[in-house]
């Protein structure tokens, strides 16, 4: 049995909390609206690094967790002390038990979920180094989202990096993600939530993993926020204050256009050199004319939604049993 927790610490030391995302599950909302209001833990959202400086690290915006989790698990044995020194702004581990927990939030950790065993290995190795730095416990918070909506949101937001972005290209991406001979056991594993849950539980312990459905944020925002605060061991008085201050549910997905449609992200079509030399009004008209050639939205059609949810139904049912939430009632299964 664990010691009683209060404010992220116990007589035996503090807790390291890791918010993994997943991507497309309101991480920005949490990082902007919720985590900065916490007073019982230190918070590092998407921390940057000066430790890792390869071109690949620069392309990842020098994010510390991305740099670590994209490398071999051995990074924690080789450079884990440097990572925690940078996270904490401390040169050496503390001589006395810590009295304050730390929350690290970065979707870069969750993206490794497409390789669940690698993610679990990173978390276990990170936990070992965390203990040496005064955090004997690691707790994980992960938000999941029904897979059909996740794939549509993922495609729409990344459309500016797909020259052929269109309805047909979206449906081809879905087919590839679900195909056993394609990406079902590659990229598609990120959405196999039961496997992900098992990997997290194996790494840090099942009672130290909290998985919450994204759908609560818009349907039952107080329940969603309460789940987040509970996962972070927020003291009762602070929890009541934060729940009272929280706004009602809202639309957090900027790409969902309603009616099953999703607006595609687009970079400017007019070349940068032309935008620099042309009058702004003329450049705007030319950009508008050029954009007319491209599709503006994709639609998550019922047949595509059913294929996606059927592919993941067994996994969703297993996760529902593990976390005690009726995910099928939240849309994590095909209609009927």
Foldseek 3Di string as FASTA:
>chain_A
DDADDALQADQQAGAEEEEQEQPPQCLVVCVPPPPVLADSAAEAEQDADPPDDDPVCVVVVRGLLLVQLVDALCCCVVCVQVSVCVVPVHDAADPHGDRGYYYYYDNSLLQCQLVLLSSLSNLLSNCVSVVRRRHNAYAYEYEAEQDLVVLQLVCQACVQVPPQDDQVVSLVVLVQCLDPVHNCSGSVSSRLVLSNLVSNCVRGHNVRYHYHYSLCLQVPVLVVLLSVCVSSNHHPVSNVVSSVPDDHHDDPRPQDPDPQKGFHDHDQPPDPVCCVPDDVVVSVVVSVVVCVVDDGIYGSDLVSSQVSLCSNVVSVVSVCVSNVHPVVVVPSHRDD
